[in-house]
C-alpha atoms as a PDB file:
ATOM      1  CA  UNK A   1      99.599  18.439 -50.914  1.00  0.00           C
ATOM      2  CA  UNK A   2      96.524  17.487 -48.812  1.00  0.00           C
ATOM      3  CA  UNK A   3      96.168  14.173 -50.690  1.00  0.00           C
ATOM      4  CA  UNK A   4      99.772  13.458 -50.039  1.00  0.00           C
ATOM      5  CA  UNK A   5      99.033  13.681 -46.358  1.00  0.00           C
ATOM      6  CA  UNK A   6      95.779  11.677 -46.722  1.00  0.00           C
ATOM      7  CA  UNK A   7      98.160   8.979 -48.473  1.00  0.00           C
ATOM      8  CA  UNK A   8     100.802   9.162 -46.010  1.00  0.00           C
ATOM      9  CA  UNK A   9      98.119   8.632 -42.999  1.00  0.00           C
ATOM     10  CA  UNK A  10      96.596   5.678 -44.872  1.00  0.00           C
ATOM     11  CA  UNK A  11      99.745   4.424 -45.199  1.00  0.00           C
ATOM     12  CA  UNK A  12     100.948   4.456 -41.623  1.00  0.00           C
ATOM     13  CA  UNK A  13      97.810   3.660 -40.498  1.00  0.00           C
ATOM     14  CA  UNK A  14      98.412   0.325 -42.449  1.00  0.00           C
ATOM     15  CA  UNK A  15     102.058  -0.017 -41.264  1.00  0.00           C
ATOM     16  CA  UNK A  16     100.813   0.380 -37.379  1.00  0.00           C
ATOM     17  CA  UNK A  17      98.353  -2.399 -37.954  1.00  0.00           C
ATOM     18  CA  UNK A  18     100.965  -4.615 -39.725  1.00  0.00           C
ATOM     19  CA  UNK A  19     103.382  -3.883 -36.880  1.00  0.00           C
ATOM     20  CA  UNK A  20     100.647  -4.411 -34.101  1.00  0.00           C
ATOM     21  CA  UNK A  21     100.269  -7.904 -35.693  1.00  0.00           C
ATOM     22  CA  UNK A  22     103.803  -8.635 -35.851  1.00  0.00           C
ATOM     23  CA  UNK A  23     104.405  -7.701 -32.247  1.00  0.00           C
ATOM     24  CA  UNK A  24     101.426  -9.661 -31.204  1.00  0.00           C
ATOM     25  CA  UNK A  25     102.962 -12.496 -32.846  1.00  0.00           C
ATOM     26  CA  UNK A  26     106.409 -11.851 -31.560  1.00  0.00           C
ATOM     27  CA  UNK A  27     104.761 -11.402 -27.745  1.00  0.00           C
ATOM     28  CA  UNK A  28     103.235 -14.961 -28.416  1.00  0.00           C
ATOM     29  CA  UNK A  29     105.998 -16.413 -29.246  1.00  0.00           C
ATOM     30  CA  UNK A  30     108.401 -15.025 -26.757  1.00  0.00           C
ATOM     31  CA  UNK A  31     105.641 -15.996 -23.801  1.00  0.00           C
ATOM     32  CA  UNK A  32     105.505 -19.448 -25.741  1.00  0.00           C
ATOM     33  CA  UNK A  33     109.403 -19.244 -25.387  1.00  0.00           C
ATOM     34  CA  UNK A  34     109.290 -18.288 -21.458  1.00  0.00           C
ATOM     35  CA  UNK A  35     106.928 -21.380 -20.956  1.00  0.00           C
ATOM     36  CA  UNK A  36     109.158 -23.726 -22.506  1.00  0.00           C
ATOM     37  CA  UNK A  37     111.976 -22.675 -20.268  1.00  0.00           C
ATOM     38  CA  UNK A  38     109.906 -22.638 -17.250  1.00  0.00           C
ATOM     39  CA  UNK A  39     108.877 -26.365 -18.345  1.00  0.00           C
ATOM     40  CA  UNK A  40     112.416 -27.314 -19.109  1.00  0.00           C
ATOM     41  CA  UNK A  41     113.585 -25.688 -15.697  1.00  0.00           C
ATOM     42  CA  UNK A  42     110.993 -27.847 -13.774  1.00  0.00           C
ATOM     43  CA  UNK A  43     111.859 -30.980 -15.918  1.00  0.00           C
ATOM     44  CA  UNK A  44     115.344 -30.663 -15.187  1.00  0.00           C
ATOM     45  CA  UNK A  45     114.721 -30.305 -11.467  1.00  0.00           C
ATOM     46  CA  UNK A  46     112.575 -33.496 -11.318  1.00  0.00           C
ATOM     47  CA  UNK A  47     115.449 -35.516 -13.487  1.00  0.00           C
ATOM     48  CA  UNK A  48     118.188 -34.179 -11.007  1.00  0.00           C
ATOM     49  CA  UNK A  49     115.956 -34.973  -7.968  1.00  0.00           C
ATOM     50  CA  UNK A  50     115.356 -39.057  -9.698  1.00  0.00           C
ATOM     51  CA  UNK A  51     119.149 -39.186 -10.517  1.00  0.00           C
ATOM     52  CA  UNK A  52     120.097 -38.001  -6.763  1.00  0.00           C
ATOM     53  CA  UNK A  53     117.781 -40.861  -5.264  1.00  0.00           C
ATOM     54  CA  UNK A  54     119.010 -43.410  -7.497  1.00  0.00           C
ATOM     55  CA  UNK A  55     122.720 -42.525  -6.685  1.00  0.00           C
ATOM     56  CA  UNK A  56     121.590 -42.437  -2.756  1.00  0.00           C
ATOM     57  CA  UNK A  57     120.044 -45.773  -3.173  1.00  0.00           C
ATOM     58  CA  UNK A  58     122.814 -47.009  -5.087  1.00  0.00           C
ATOM     59  CA  UNK A  59     125.553 -45.878  -2.208  1.00  0.00           C
ATOM     60  CA  UNK A  60     123.472 -47.067   0.349  1.00  0.00           C
ATOM     61  CA  UNK A  61     123.229 -50.393  -0.907  1.00  0.00           C
ATOM     62  CA  UNK A  62     126.809 -50.497  -1.066  1.00  0.00           C
ATOM     63  CA  UNK A  63     127.468 -49.393   2.250  1.00  0.00           C
ATOM     64  CA  UNK A  64     124.995 -52.090   3.817  1.00  0.00           C
ATOM     65  CA  UNK A  65     127.448 -54.892   3.465  1.00  0.00           C
ATOM     66  CA  UNK A  66     129.758 -53.054   5.601  1.00  0.00           C
ATOM     67  CA  UNK A  67     127.019 -52.397   8.479  1.00  0.00           C
ATOM     68  CA  UNK A  68     126.268 -56.021   7.981  1.00  0.00           C
ATOM     69  CA  UNK A  69     129.715 -57.089   8.737  1.00  0.00           C
ATOM     70  CA  UNK A  70     130.192 -54.562  11.935  1.00  0.00           C
ATOM     71  CA  UNK A  71     126.828 -56.031  13.105  1.00  0.00           C
ATOM     72  CA  UNK A  72     127.983 -59.495  12.956  1.00  0.00           C
ATOM     73  CA  UNK A  73     131.058 -58.805  14.253  1.00  0.00           C
ATOM     74  CA  UNK A  74     130.117 -57.056  17.374  1.00  0.00           C
ATOM     75  CA  UNK A  75     127.732 -60.055  18.063  1.00  0.00           C
ATOM     76  CA  UNK A  76     130.702 -62.359  18.580  1.00  0.00           C
ATOM     77  CA  UNK A  77     132.288 -59.977  21.036  1.00  0.00           C
ATOM     78  CA  UNK A  78     133.231 -61.999  24.286  1.00  0.00           C
ATOM     79  CA  UNK A  79     131.059 -60.226  27.145  1.00  0.00           C
ATOM     80  CA  UNK A  80     134.515 -59.594  28.899  1.00  0.00           C
ATOM     81  CA  UNK A  81     136.063 -57.809  25.944  1.00  0.00           C
ATOM     82  CA  UNK A  82     133.120 -55.044  25.582  1.00  0.00           C
ATOM     83  CA  UNK A  83     135.212 -52.237  27.435  1.00  0.00           C
ATOM     84  CA  UNK A  84     138.398 -52.872  25.038  1.00  0.00           C
ATOM     85  CA  UNK A  85     139.106 -49.792  23.485  1.00  0.00           C
ATOM     86  CA  UNK A  86     139.311 -51.542  20.325  1.00  0.00           C
ATOM     87  CA  UNK A  87     135.525 -52.727  21.071  1.00  0.00           C
ATOM     88  CA  UNK A  88     134.659 -49.440  21.818  1.00  0.00           C
ATOM     89  CA  UNK A  89     135.843 -48.242  18.347  1.00  0.00           C
ATOM     90  CA  UNK A  90     134.394 -51.047  16.409  1.00  0.00           C
ATOM     91  CA  UNK A  91     131.111 -49.993  17.979  1.00  0.00           C
ATOM     92  CA  UNK A  92     131.829 -46.569  17.157  1.00  0.00           C
ATOM     93  CA  UNK A  93     132.115 -47.030  13.546  1.00  0.00           C
ATOM     94  CA  UNK A  94     129.044 -49.451  13.550  1.00  0.00           C
ATOM     95  CA  UNK A  95     126.880 -46.694  14.642  1.00  0.00           C
ATOM     96  CA  UNK A  96     128.540 -44.034  12.664  1.00  0.00           C
ATOM     97  CA  UNK A  97     127.574 -46.359   9.485  1.00  0.00           C
ATOM     98  CA  UNK A  98     124.096 -46.473  10.810  1.00  0.00           C
ATOM     99  CA  UNK A  99     123.701 -42.826  11.476  1.00  0.00           C
ATOM    100  CA  UNK A 100     125.022 -41.968   7.835  1.00  0.00           C
ATOM    101  CA  UNK A 101     122.224 -44.505   6.349  1.00  0.00           C
ATOM    102  CA  UNK A 102     119.427 -42.561   8.628  1.00  0.00           C
ATOM    103  CA  UNK A 103     120.754 -39.351   7.669  1.00  0.00           C
ATOM    104  CA  UNK A 104     120.057 -40.156   4.055  1.00  0.00           C
ATOM    105  CA  UNK A 105     116.840 -41.335   4.751  1.00  0.00           C
ATOM    106  CA  UNK A 106     117.311 -45.441   4.669  1.00  0.00           C
ATOM    107  CA  UNK A 107     114.935 -46.959   7.374  1.00  0.00           C
ATOM    108  CA  UNK A 108     115.438 -50.424   8.700  1.00  0.00           C
ATOM    109  CA  UNK A 109     112.500 -52.626   7.811  1.00  0.00           C
ATOM    110  CA  UNK A 110     110.792 -53.489  11.099  1.00  0.00           C
ATOM    111  CA  UNK A 111     110.850 -57.537  11.095  1.00  0.00           C
ATOM    112  CA  UNK A 112     110.189 -59.831  14.625  1.00  0.00           C
ATOM    113  CA  UNK A 113     110.866 -63.353  14.752  1.00  0.00           C
ATOM    114  CA  UNK A 114     107.375 -64.861  14.645  1.00  0.00           C
ATOM    115  CA  UNK A 115     106.217 -62.143  12.156  1.00  0.00           C
ATOM    116  CA  UNK A 116     104.481 -63.475   9.151  1.00  0.00           C
ATOM    117  CA  UNK A 117     106.494 -64.193   5.905  1.00  0.00           C
ATOM    118  CA  UNK A 118     105.900 -60.867   3.406  1.00  0.00           C
ATOM    119  CA  UNK A 119     107.515 -61.345   0.138  1.00  0.00           C
ATOM    120  CA  UNK A 120     107.327 -57.421  -0.628  1.00  0.00           C
ATOM    121  CA  UNK A 121     109.830 -57.017   2.183  1.00  0.00           C
ATOM    122  CA  UNK A 122     111.320 -60.358   2.693  1.00  0.00           C
ATOM    123  CA  UNK A 123     113.560 -62.712   0.968  1.00  0.00           C
ATOM    124  CA  UNK A 124     113.458 -66.234   2.299  1.00  0.00           C
ATOM    125  CA  UNK A 125     117.063 -67.551   2.303  1.00  0.00           C
ATOM    126  CA  UNK A 126     116.398 -70.871   4.231  1.00  0.00           C
ATOM    127  CA  UNK A 127     113.505 -73.006   5.141  1.00  0.00           C
ATOM    128  CA  UNK A 128     113.084 -75.242   8.198  1.00  0.00           C
ATOM    129  CA  UNK A 129     111.758 -78.326   7.095  1.00  0.00           C
ATOM    130  CA  UNK A 130     111.507 -79.804  10.502  1.00  0.00           C
ATOM    131  CA  UNK A 131     108.593 -77.909  12.015  1.00  0.00           C
ATOM    132  CA  UNK A 132     104.949 -77.926  10.929  1.00  0.00           C
ATOM    133  CA  UNK A 133     104.718 -75.939   7.665  1.00  0.00           C
ATOM    134  CA  UNK A 134     104.173 -72.048   8.611  1.00  0.00           C
ATOM    135  CA  UNK A 135     105.257 -68.625   6.879  1.00  0.00           C
ATOM    136  CA  UNK A 136     106.477 -67.141   9.892  1.00  0.00           C
ATOM    137  CA  UNK A 137     110.024 -65.833  10.233  1.00  0.00           C
ATOM    138  CA  UNK A 138     112.373 -68.223  12.013  1.00  0.00           C
ATOM    139  CA  UNK A 139     115.522 -66.344  11.919  1.00  0.00           C
ATOM    140  CA  UNK A 140     116.624 -62.580  10.646  1.00  0.00           C
ATOM    141  CA  UNK A 141     119.725 -63.421   8.700  1.00  0.00           C
ATOM    142  CA  UNK A 142     120.252 -59.417   7.344  1.00  0.00           C
ATOM    143  CA  UNK A 143     117.893 -56.616   7.931  1.00  0.00           C
ATOM    144  CA  UNK A 144     116.113 -55.204   4.747  1.00  0.00           C
ATOM    145  CA  UNK A 145     116.537 -51.488   4.395  1.00  0.00           C
ATOM    146  CA  UNK A 146     114.102 -48.947   2.571  1.00  0.00           C
ATOM    147  CA  UNK A 147     114.614 -45.767   1.190  1.00  0.00           C
ATOM    148  CA  UNK A 148     112.033 -42.969   1.081  1.00  0.00           C
ATOM    149  CA  UNK A 149     109.263 -45.681   0.694  1.00  0.00           C
ATOM    150  CA  UNK A 150     111.439 -47.710  -2.126  1.00  0.00           C
ATOM    151  CA  UNK A 151     112.851 -50.936  -1.051  1.00  0.00           C
ATOM    152  CA  UNK A 152     116.626 -51.095  -1.384  1.00  0.00           C
ATOM    153  CA  UNK A 153     117.400 -54.651  -0.171  1.00  0.00           C
ATOM    154  CA  UNK A 154     114.852 -57.010   1.354  1.00  0.00           C
ATOM    155  CA  UNK A 155     115.483 -58.572   4.773  1.00  0.00           C
ATOM    156  CA  UNK A 156     117.101 -61.866   4.260  1.00  0.00           C
ATOM    157  CA  UNK A 157     115.080 -64.792   6.896  1.00  0.00           C
ATOM    158  CA  UNK A 158     114.949 -68.136   7.337  1.00  0.00           C
ATOM    159  CA  UNK A 159     111.289 -69.183   7.377  1.00  0.00           C
ATOM    160  CA  UNK A 160     109.828 -72.264   9.497  1.00  0.00           C
END
C-alpha cells in the first residue's frame, strides 16, 4: 500500500508541474490577449480622432464659400441701409457662421496687404504687371483658413 501512495504522490507531483506549466502558458496567453485588446482600443481611438479631424476639415471647407459670399455681400451694402432689419439679419447670419468655424477650431490665416507672398499659406490668383516686380500682397481676394495647424484653404491673393 505504501508503494501505491508513493506512486500516487509522484504521479500527482508530475501533474502539478504539468498544470503549473499549463497555467503559466494560459496566463501568458491571457496577458498577451489583454495587451492586444488594449492596443486595439488605442488604435481605434486614434483612427476615430483622425476621421473626425478629416470630417471636420471637409465640413469647414464646404461652409467657407457661404462665409465668403456673406462677407462679400456685406461689403456691398450701402451705408444708409446698415440699420435696416434685413441687413442686421444678414450680418448676424455671417457672424453665426464665423462663430461655428471658430468653435470647430478653424482659424483665419492672418494676412495683410503689403505682406510678403508665402506659397505655404497663399495662392496667387492674379498678378499686377504694371508695377515693379515684387512679391507683396496687393489685394486679398479670399481669406485662408487653418484647422488645428493644418491648412484647410489657402488665402487667394493678388500679388504685385
